[in-house]
Structures are given as structure tokens and as C-alpha cells.
C-alpha atoms as a PDB file:
ATOM      1  CA  UNK A   1     -23.662  11.977   2.779  1.00  0.00           C
ATOM      2  CA  UNK A   2     -25.081  14.539   0.332  1.00  0.00           C
ATOM      3  CA  UNK A   3     -24.363  12.217  -2.613  1.00  0.00           C
ATOM      4  CA  UNK A   4     -26.049   9.310  -0.833  1.00  0.00           C
ATOM      5  CA  UNK A   5     -29.117  11.407  -0.084  1.00  0.00           C
ATOM      6  CA  UNK A   6     -29.293  12.763  -3.624  1.00  0.00           C
ATOM      7  CA  UNK A   7     -29.107   9.283  -5.182  1.00  0.00           C
ATOM      8  CA  UNK A   8     -31.838   7.926  -2.936  1.00  0.00           C
ATOM      9  CA  UNK A   9     -34.112  10.934  -3.357  1.00  0.00           C
ATOM     10  CA  UNK A  10     -33.759  10.723  -7.139  1.00  0.00           C
ATOM     11  CA  UNK A  11     -34.644   7.062  -7.094  1.00  0.00           C
ATOM     12  CA  UNK A  12     -37.657   7.695  -4.898  1.00  0.00           C
ATOM     13  CA  UNK A  13     -38.809  10.600  -7.045  1.00  0.00           C
ATOM     14  CA  UNK A  14     -38.784   8.360 -10.099  1.00  0.00           C
ATOM     15  CA  UNK A  15     -41.007   5.912  -8.218  1.00  0.00           C
ATOM     16  CA  UNK A  16     -43.225   8.689  -6.855  1.00  0.00           C
ATOM     17  CA  UNK A  17     -42.219   7.747  -3.323  1.00  0.00           C
ATOM     18  CA  UNK A  18     -41.114  10.203  -0.640  1.00  0.00           C
ATOM     19  CA  UNK A  19     -38.080  10.371   1.607  1.00  0.00           C
ATOM     20  CA  UNK A  20     -39.079  11.293   5.150  1.00  0.00           C
ATOM     21  CA  UNK A  21     -35.680  12.288   6.471  1.00  0.00           C
ATOM     22  CA  UNK A  22     -31.979  11.548   6.422  1.00  0.00           C
ATOM     23  CA  UNK A  23     -30.602  10.614   9.816  1.00  0.00           C
ATOM     24  CA  UNK A  24     -26.939  10.445  10.769  1.00  0.00           C
ATOM     25  CA  UNK A  25     -25.705   8.292  13.596  1.00  0.00           C
ATOM     26  CA  UNK A  26     -22.263   7.313  14.846  1.00  0.00           C
ATOM     27  CA  UNK A  27     -21.326   3.793  13.763  1.00  0.00           C
ATOM     28  CA  UNK A  28     -19.246   3.439  16.925  1.00  0.00           C
ATOM     29  CA  UNK A  29     -22.124   4.371  19.247  1.00  0.00           C
ATOM     30  CA  UNK A  30     -24.707   1.590  19.646  1.00  0.00           C
ATOM     31  CA  UNK A  31     -26.930   3.714  21.869  1.00  0.00           C
ATOM     32  CA  UNK A  32     -27.105   6.530  19.308  1.00  0.00           C
ATOM     33  CA  UNK A  33     -27.914   4.193  16.451  1.00  0.00           C
ATOM     34  CA  UNK A  34     -30.575   2.379  18.487  1.00  0.00           C
ATOM     35  CA  UNK A  35     -32.138   5.667  19.575  1.00  0.00           C
ATOM     36  CA  UNK A  36     -32.260   6.926  15.996  1.00  0.00           C
ATOM     37  CA  UNK A  37     -33.757   3.663  14.783  1.00  0.00           C
ATOM     38  CA  UNK A  38     -36.329   3.590  17.583  1.00  0.00           C
ATOM     39  CA  UNK A  39     -37.405   7.145  16.796  1.00  0.00           C
ATOM     40  CA  UNK A  40     -37.949   6.272  13.137  1.00  0.00           C
ATOM     41  CA  UNK A  41     -39.868   3.101  14.017  1.00  0.00           C
ATOM     42  CA  UNK A  42     -42.079   4.932  16.516  1.00  0.00           C
ATOM     43  CA  UNK A  43     -42.884   7.576  13.891  1.00  0.00           C
ATOM     44  CA  UNK A  44     -44.085   4.845  11.590  1.00  0.00           C
ATOM     45  CA  UNK A  45     -41.297   4.470   9.040  1.00  0.00           C
ATOM     46  CA  UNK A  46     -42.282   1.995   6.335  1.00  0.00           C
ATOM     47  CA  UNK A  47     -38.717   0.892   5.603  1.00  0.00           C
ATOM     48  CA  UNK A  48     -35.081   1.836   6.014  1.00  0.00           C
ATOM     49  CA  UNK A  49     -31.794   1.847   4.150  1.00  0.00           C
ATOM     50  CA  UNK A  50     -28.855   1.466   6.545  1.00  0.00           C
ATOM     51  CA  UNK A  51     -25.745   2.992   5.024  1.00  0.00           C
ATOM     52  CA  UNK A  52     -22.277   2.264   6.362  1.00  0.00           C
ATOM     53  CA  UNK A  53     -20.377  -0.516   8.070  1.00  0.00           C
ATOM     54  CA  UNK A  54     -21.021  -2.514  11.226  1.00  0.00           C
ATOM     55  CA  UNK A  55     -24.641  -1.799  12.011  1.00  0.00           C
ATOM     56  CA  UNK A  56     -25.418  -3.314  15.370  1.00  0.00           C
ATOM     57  CA  UNK A  57     -27.335  -6.624  15.581  1.00  0.00           C
ATOM     58  CA  UNK A  58     -29.668  -4.886  18.051  1.00  0.00           C
ATOM     59  CA  UNK A  59     -30.611  -2.376  15.359  1.00  0.00           C
ATOM     60  CA  UNK A  60     -31.479  -5.115  12.885  1.00  0.00           C
ATOM     61  CA  UNK A  61     -33.347  -7.054  15.565  1.00  0.00           C
ATOM     62  CA  UNK A  62     -35.431  -3.980  16.413  1.00  0.00           C
ATOM     63  CA  UNK A  63     -36.401  -3.543  12.776  1.00  0.00           C
ATOM     64  CA  UNK A  64     -37.256  -7.229  12.476  1.00  0.00           C
ATOM     65  CA  UNK A  65     -39.473  -7.139  15.577  1.00  0.00           C
ATOM     66  CA  UNK A  66     -41.267  -4.059  14.260  1.00  0.00           C
ATOM     67  CA  UNK A  67     -41.725  -5.647  10.846  1.00  0.00           C
ATOM     68  CA  UNK A  68     -39.880  -2.805   9.135  1.00  0.00           C
ATOM     69  CA  UNK A  69     -38.146  -3.958   5.934  1.00  0.00           C
ATOM     70  CA  UNK A  70     -34.656  -2.644   5.308  1.00  0.00           C
ATOM     71  CA  UNK A  71     -31.752  -2.722   2.906  1.00  0.00           C
ATOM     72  CA  UNK A  72     -28.054  -2.612   3.737  1.00  0.00           C
ATOM     73  CA  UNK A  73     -25.128  -1.113   1.871  1.00  0.00           C
ATOM     74  CA  UNK A  74     -21.612  -2.490   2.407  1.00  0.00           C
ATOM     75  CA  UNK A  75     -22.603  -4.786   5.272  1.00  0.00           C
ATOM     76  CA  UNK A  76     -24.160  -8.224   5.607  1.00  0.00           C
ATOM     77  CA  UNK A  77     -27.219  -9.025   7.680  1.00  0.00           C
ATOM     78  CA  UNK A  78     -26.061 -11.450  10.403  1.00  0.00           C
ATOM     79  CA  UNK A  79     -29.584 -12.817  10.906  1.00  0.00           C
ATOM     80  CA  UNK A  80     -29.577 -14.318   7.432  1.00  0.00           C
ATOM     81  CA  UNK A  81     -33.294 -13.595   7.103  1.00  0.00           C
ATOM     82  CA  UNK A  82     -32.920 -10.655   4.735  1.00  0.00           C
ATOM     83  CA  UNK A  83     -31.131 -11.814   1.629  1.00  0.00           C
ATOM     84  CA  UNK A  84     -31.246  -8.429  -0.138  1.00  0.00           C
ATOM     85  CA  UNK A  85     -27.825  -6.842   0.104  1.00  0.00           C
ATOM     86  CA  UNK A  86     -27.077  -3.554  -1.626  1.00  0.00           C
ATOM     87  CA  UNK A  87     -23.530  -3.125  -2.863  1.00  0.00           C
ATOM     88  CA  UNK A  88     -24.113   0.543  -3.611  1.00  0.00           C
ATOM     89  CA  UNK A  89     -26.388   3.296  -2.390  1.00  0.00           C
ATOM     90  CA  UNK A  90     -28.281   3.264  -5.659  1.00  0.00           C
ATOM     91  CA  UNK A  91     -28.867  -0.503  -5.745  1.00  0.00           C
ATOM     92  CA  UNK A  92     -30.055  -0.450  -2.141  1.00  0.00           C
ATOM     93  CA  UNK A  93     -32.435   2.423  -2.798  1.00  0.00           C
ATOM     94  CA  UNK A  94     -33.826   0.680  -5.884  1.00  0.00           C
ATOM     95  CA  UNK A  95     -34.440  -2.555  -4.002  1.00  0.00           C
ATOM     96  CA  UNK A  96     -36.066  -1.007  -0.944  1.00  0.00           C
ATOM     97  CA  UNK A  97     -38.162   1.340  -3.075  1.00  0.00           C
ATOM     98  CA  UNK A  98     -39.527  -1.517  -5.156  1.00  0.00           C
ATOM     99  CA  UNK A  99     -40.135  -3.621  -2.075  1.00  0.00           C
ATOM    100  CA  UNK A 100     -42.105  -0.835  -0.393  1.00  0.00           C
ATOM    101  CA  UNK A 101     -44.085  -0.077  -3.525  1.00  0.00           C
ATOM    102  CA  UNK A 102     -44.995  -3.755  -3.755  1.00  0.00           C
ATOM    103  CA  UNK A 103     -46.317  -3.500  -0.197  1.00  0.00           C
ATOM    104  CA  UNK A 104     -48.305  -0.390  -1.049  1.00  0.00           C
ATOM    105  CA  UNK A 105     -46.116   2.030   0.922  1.00  0.00           C
ATOM    106  CA  UNK A 106     -44.896   5.416  -0.233  1.00  0.00           C
ATOM    107  CA  UNK A 107     -42.298   6.642   2.259  1.00  0.00           C
ATOM    108  CA  UNK A 108     -39.308   5.440   4.256  1.00  0.00           C
ATOM    109  CA  UNK A 109     -36.436   6.736   6.362  1.00  0.00           C
ATOM    110  CA  UNK A 110     -32.689   6.354   5.946  1.00  0.00           C
ATOM    111  CA  UNK A 111     -30.200   5.906   8.788  1.00  0.00           C
ATOM    112  CA  UNK A 112     -26.618   6.583   7.757  1.00  0.00           C
ATOM    113  CA  UNK A 113     -23.380   6.597   9.709  1.00  0.00           C
ATOM    114  CA  UNK A 114     -20.761   9.333   9.470  1.00  0.00           C
ATOM    115  CA  UNK A 115     -17.730   7.114  10.066  1.00  0.00           C
ATOM    116  CA  UNK A 116     -15.512   6.308   7.061  1.00  0.00           C
ATOM    117  CA  UNK A 117     -13.052   3.436   7.488  1.00  0.00           C
ATOM    118  CA  UNK A 118     -10.240   2.017   5.408  1.00  0.00           C
ATOM    119  CA  UNK A 119      -7.649  -0.706   5.721  1.00  0.00           C
ATOM    120  CA  UNK A 120      -3.978  -0.601   4.771  1.00  0.00           C
ATOM    121  CA  UNK A 121      -3.131  -3.784   2.907  1.00  0.00           C
ATOM    122  CA  UNK A 122      -0.655  -5.309   0.530  1.00  0.00           C
ATOM    123  CA  UNK A 123      -1.308  -7.543  -2.461  1.00  0.00           C
ATOM    124  CA  UNK A 124       0.902 -10.606  -2.666  1.00  0.00           C
ATOM    125  CA  UNK A 125       0.543 -12.601  -5.876  1.00  0.00           C
ATOM    126  CA  UNK A 126       2.604 -15.698  -5.195  1.00  0.00           C
ATOM    127  CA  UNK A 127       2.580 -17.160  -8.714  1.00  0.00           C
ATOM    128  CA  UNK A 128       1.533 -16.195 -12.203  1.00  0.00           C
ATOM    129  CA  UNK A 129       1.923 -19.726 -13.536  1.00  0.00           C
ATOM    130  CA  UNK A 130      -1.439 -21.247 -14.380  1.00  0.00           C
ATOM    131  CA  UNK A 131      -2.649 -24.429 -16.087  1.00  0.00           C
ATOM    132  CA  UNK A 132      -5.836 -22.730 -17.266  1.00  0.00           C
ATOM    133  CA  UNK A 133      -6.103 -20.700 -20.453  1.00  0.00           C
ATOM    134  CA  UNK A 134      -8.852 -18.205 -19.660  1.00  0.00           C
ATOM    135  CA  UNK A 135      -9.200 -15.920 -22.664  1.00  0.00           C
ATOM    136  CA  UNK A 136      -9.855 -12.797 -20.601  1.00  0.00           C
ATOM    137  CA  UNK A 137      -6.837 -13.213 -18.295  1.00  0.00           C
ATOM    138  CA  UNK A 138      -3.838 -10.929 -18.829  1.00  0.00           C
ATOM    139  CA  UNK A 139      -2.056 -12.238 -15.726  1.00  0.00           C
ATOM    140  CA  UNK A 140      -1.319 -15.943 -16.068  1.00  0.00           C
ATOM    141  CA  UNK A 141       1.833 -17.397 -17.570  1.00  0.00           C
ATOM    142  CA  UNK A 142       1.922 -20.633 -19.501  1.00  0.00           C
ATOM    143  CA  UNK A 143       3.801 -22.103 -22.430  1.00  0.00           C
ATOM    144  CA  UNK A 144       1.777 -20.084 -24.914  1.00  0.00           C
ATOM    145  CA  UNK A 145       2.450 -16.841 -23.023  1.00  0.00           C
ATOM    146  CA  UNK A 146       6.109 -17.362 -22.147  1.00  0.00           C
ATOM    147  CA  UNK A 147       7.137 -14.300 -24.136  1.00  0.00           C
ATOM    148  CA  UNK A 148       4.465 -11.982 -22.723  1.00  0.00           C
ATOM    149  CA  UNK A 149       4.319  -9.726 -19.637  1.00  0.00           C
ATOM    150  CA  UNK A 150       7.666 -10.617 -18.115  1.00  0.00           C
ATOM    151  CA  UNK A 151       8.892 -13.906 -16.727  1.00  0.00           C
ATOM    152  CA  UNK A 152       7.040 -16.536 -14.749  1.00  0.00           C
ATOM    153  CA  UNK A 153       7.480 -16.596 -10.991  1.00  0.00           C
ATOM    154  CA  UNK A 154       6.567 -18.738  -8.005  1.00  0.00           C
ATOM    155  CA  UNK A 155       7.264 -17.273  -4.567  1.00  0.00           C
ATOM    156  CA  UNK A 156       8.332 -19.625  -1.812  1.00  0.00           C
ATOM    157  CA  UNK A 157       6.890 -19.335   1.701  1.00  0.00           C
ATOM    158  CA  UNK A 158      10.005 -17.563   2.927  1.00  0.00           C
ATOM    159  CA  UNK A 159       9.541 -14.742   0.432  1.00  0.00           C
ATOM    160  CA  UNK A 160       5.821 -14.562   1.226  1.00  0.00           C
ATOM    161  CA  UNK A 161       6.665 -14.225   4.910  1.00  0.00           C
ATOM    162  CA  UNK A 162       9.242 -11.542   4.168  1.00  0.00           C
ATOM    163  CA  UNK A 163       6.702  -9.483   2.227  1.00  0.00           C
ATOM    164  CA  UNK A 164       4.182  -9.884   5.033  1.00  0.00           C
ATOM    165  CA  UNK A 165       6.708  -8.582   7.551  1.00  0.00           C
ATOM    166  CA  UNK A 166       7.600  -5.689   5.301  1.00  0.00           C
ATOM    167  CA  UNK A 167       3.936  -4.777   4.929  1.00  0.00           C
ATOM    168  CA  UNK A 168       3.382  -4.932   8.698  1.00  0.00           C
ATOM    169  CA  UNK A 169       6.293  -2.577   9.349  1.00  0.00           C
ATOM    170  CA  UNK A 170       4.776  -0.106   6.885  1.00  0.00           C
ATOM    171  CA  UNK A 171       1.429  -0.151   8.673  1.00  0.00           C
ATOM    172  CA  UNK A 172      -0.542  -2.817   6.821  1.00  0.00           C
ATOM    173  CA  UNK A 173      -3.001  -4.901   8.815  1.00  0.00           C
ATOM    174  CA  UNK A 174      -4.148  -7.095   5.926  1.00  0.00           C
ATOM    175  CA  UNK A 175      -2.665  -8.978   3.007  1.00  0.00           C
ATOM    176  CA  UNK A 176      -4.653  -9.892  -0.102  1.00  0.00           C
ATOM    177  CA  UNK A 177      -3.278 -12.971  -1.826  1.00  0.00           C
ATOM    178  CA  UNK A 178      -4.143 -14.734  -5.043  1.00  0.00           C
ATOM    179  CA  UNK A 179      -2.336 -16.584  -7.778  1.00  0.00           C
ATOM    180  CA  UNK A 180      -2.647 -18.821 -10.777  1.00  0.00           C
ATOM    181  CA  UNK A 181      -3.400 -22.521 -10.571  1.00  0.00           C
ATOM    182  CA  UNK A 182       0.194 -23.739 -10.556  1.00  0.00           C
ATOM    183  CA  UNK A 183       0.518 -27.381 -11.703  1.00  0.00           C
ATOM    184  CA  UNK A 184       2.568 -28.216  -8.618  1.00  0.00           C
ATOM    185  CA  UNK A 185       0.087 -26.672  -6.168  1.00  0.00           C
ATOM    186  CA  UNK A 186      -2.340 -28.666  -4.078  1.00  0.00           C
ATOM    187  CA  UNK A 187      -4.432 -28.016  -0.992  1.00  0.00           C
ATOM    188  CA  UNK A 188      -1.416 -28.257   1.279  1.00  0.00           C
ATOM    189  CA  UNK A 189       0.242 -25.447  -0.682  1.00  0.00           C
ATOM    190  CA  UNK A 190      -2.542 -23.020   0.200  1.00  0.00           C
ATOM    191  CA  UNK A 191      -2.426 -24.093   3.831  1.00  0.00           C
ATOM    192  CA  UNK A 192       1.342 -23.553   3.865  1.00  0.00           C
ATOM    193  CA  UNK A 193       0.879 -20.068   2.404  1.00  0.00           C
ATOM    194  CA  UNK A 194      -1.498 -19.171   5.231  1.00  0.00           C
ATOM    195  CA  UNK A 195       0.876 -20.543   7.849  1.00  0.00           C
ATOM    196  CA  UNK A 196       3.698 -18.488   6.328  1.00  0.00           C
ATOM    197  CA  UNK A 197       1.648 -15.330   6.841  1.00  0.00           C
ATOM    198  CA  UNK A 198       0.713 -16.160  10.414  1.00  0.00           C
ATOM    199  CA  UNK A 199       4.254 -17.215  11.296  1.00  0.00           C
ATOM    200  CA  UNK A 200       5.531 -13.881  10.024  1.00  0.00           C
ATOM    201  CA  UNK A 201       2.836 -11.728  11.676  1.00  0.00           C
ATOM    202  CA  UNK A 202       0.179 -13.529  13.750  1.00  0.00           C
ATOM    203  CA  UNK A 203      -2.116 -10.482  13.825  1.00  0.00           C
ATOM    204  CA  UNK A 204      -2.130  -9.930  10.055  1.00  0.00           C
ATOM    205  CA  UNK A 205      -5.584 -10.395   8.536  1.00  0.00           C
ATOM    206  CA  UNK A 206      -5.583 -12.639   5.477  1.00  0.00           C
ATOM    207  CA  UNK A 207      -7.915 -12.082   2.533  1.00  0.00           C
ATOM    208  CA  UNK A 208      -6.943 -14.759   0.066  1.00  0.00           C
ATOM    209  CA  UNK A 209      -7.700 -17.246  -2.701  1.00  0.00           C
ATOM    210  CA  UNK A 210     -10.022 -17.157  -5.661  1.00  0.00           C
ATOM    211  CA  UNK A 211     -12.972 -19.575  -5.879  1.00  0.00           C
ATOM    212  CA  UNK A 212     -10.990 -21.581  -8.425  1.00  0.00           C
ATOM    213  CA  UNK A 213      -8.078 -21.907  -6.003  1.00  0.00           C
ATOM    214  CA  UNK A 214     -10.407 -23.105  -3.249  1.00  0.00           C
ATOM    215  CA  UNK A 215     -11.950 -25.643  -5.616  1.00  0.00           C
ATOM    216  CA  UNK A 216      -8.503 -26.791  -6.762  1.00  0.00           C
ATOM    217  CA  UNK A 217      -7.225 -27.167  -3.207  1.00  0.00           C
ATOM    218  CA  UNK A 218     -10.266 -29.157  -2.120  1.00  0.00           C
ATOM    219  CA  UNK A 219     -10.104 -31.424  -5.149  1.00  0.00           C
ATOM    220  CA  UNK A 220      -6.423 -32.250  -4.713  1.00  0.00           C
ATOM    221  CA  UNK A 221      -7.013 -33.251  -1.072  1.00  0.00           C
ATOM    222  CA  UNK A 222     -10.221 -35.123  -1.894  1.00  0.00           C
ATOM    223  CA  UNK A 223     -12.208 -32.849   0.418  1.00  0.00           C
ATOM    224  CA  UNK A 224     -15.521 -31.081   0.072  1.00  0.00           C
ATOM    225  CA  UNK A 225     -15.413 -27.329  -0.486  1.00  0.00           C
ATOM    226  CA  UNK A 226     -16.833 -26.684   2.990  1.00  0.00           C
ATOM    227  CA  UNK A 227     -14.321 -29.018   4.669  1.00  0.00           C
ATOM    228  CA  UNK A 228     -11.409 -27.390   2.883  1.00  0.00           C
ATOM    229  CA  UNK A 229     -12.659 -23.904   3.753  1.00  0.00           C
ATOM    230  CA  UNK A 230     -12.734 -24.915   7.408  1.00  0.00           C
ATOM    231  CA  UNK A 231      -9.133 -26.071   7.162  1.00  0.00           C
ATOM    232  CA  UNK A 232      -8.159 -22.793   5.503  1.00  0.00           C
ATOM    233  CA  UNK A 233      -9.827 -20.857   8.313  1.00  0.00           C
ATOM    234  CA  UNK A 234      -8.050 -22.947  10.931  1.00  0.00           C
ATOM    235  CA  UNK A 235      -4.762 -22.109   9.211  1.00  0.00           C
ATOM    236  CA  UNK A 236      -5.458 -18.370   9.317  1.00  0.00           C
ATOM    237  CA  UNK A 237      -7.776 -17.366   6.486  1.00  0.00           C
ATOM    238  CA  UNK A 238      -9.758 -14.311   7.654  1.00  0.00           C
END
């Protein structure tokens, strides 16, 4: 929290703006977050940076009704009306500061949660064989890289399922999966990979596939990107 506050205060100082206060609320307590937000709104806060995960829709709705601009770090705005998303405390503070200065304001409040969360996951790279020759890639294996970085591999769905089960036993709740664009892969391959995960552990969350893999899968099945993404989600993509 002290680092967050220091970064934001420094950014505001550079812009000759002023930080009213730093508020802490429990991310797991909707009532506490709403009360803290309401207090800031009633005191006339010009804008807010919401730091932390899972801010309640009611909080965002309250700010929208009051016309109070805000920035988010780490979380997406479910309303879709505020496209500014901060991926770090500093970027969020820069964006909200500039926005408020553009509106002629000079002060805002920050609401930050105290809860820190993490997820135990396992990376499963099912193949390093790839038909592309991206110059920056030190992962893919092709004919021109047959002698580099070990041998080529292509995991079958049984091995993928085994690794999922092993991860679950060790406490993982998520698998992250990505691979090269194997010449034998098509859209059905990616769907089969997802089914292998869910067959092994139905409750395992799946974070998988690069944009290029999604494009490749859609193209090989003659589907639009959106249609293929829906099929991936139906098969278990989180």
C-alpha cells in the first residue's frame, strides 16, 4: 500500500494536483467498499483510482451515477463504458491525473483493497513444433532449428491429462497452455486439448492459446474468430 500511495502522490505532485486521502477497504466486503466510496463521493471527490481485484459492480455504478471518473488497476470495468484500464498503479495514476486536469480538477481520492490473491497453476506447453519462423522466438522447433534447444515434442491428450491431474494433486487450480503452430494441428486439436483437461479435472480453470493459435484454429475449421472462441469456451476455455 505504501508503494502504491507513493507512486500516485509523486505523479500528482508532478502535475501539481493533490491527493485527498488513501482509503483501504476489504475486497471481500461489498458493504465496506460501498460505504468508503459513498463517503468519498459525498465529500466531493473529483475522481478515483480503484486498486485491487474484484471491485463490486455496485461501486462502479455509484461512481457512474455521481459522474465521478475513475481508473482501475488489475481489473476490468464490466460496464464497458470506461475504456481506460491501468495495468499498473503508475499508469492508472497518470491517466486519471491527466483526465482530471483536462476537466479542470485538482484533487481526487484513492480506494484500495488490502487483499492480495494468487493462483497456483502449471504451464503445459504441448508442442514446440511450429510452421512459423518468427525471428524473436527461442521456443519453436522446425527444420532449421532441429539442432537447437533439445528435441521436438508433441504431447498427446493422454499426457496432457496426466499433467493436469498431477497439477491438481499438488494444489493447482489453473493450467496455462500454449504451443507452436504444429502443421498437423487444426481447430479440432485445440478443442480436444480442452476436453482432455476437463476430462482429467472438471474444476480446473484453463487459460490457454495464443492469438495466433486461435486464428489458426478458426481458419482450419472455416469459422470466424468469434464463432471459434465460442466453441473453445463451450469446450472448457476459461
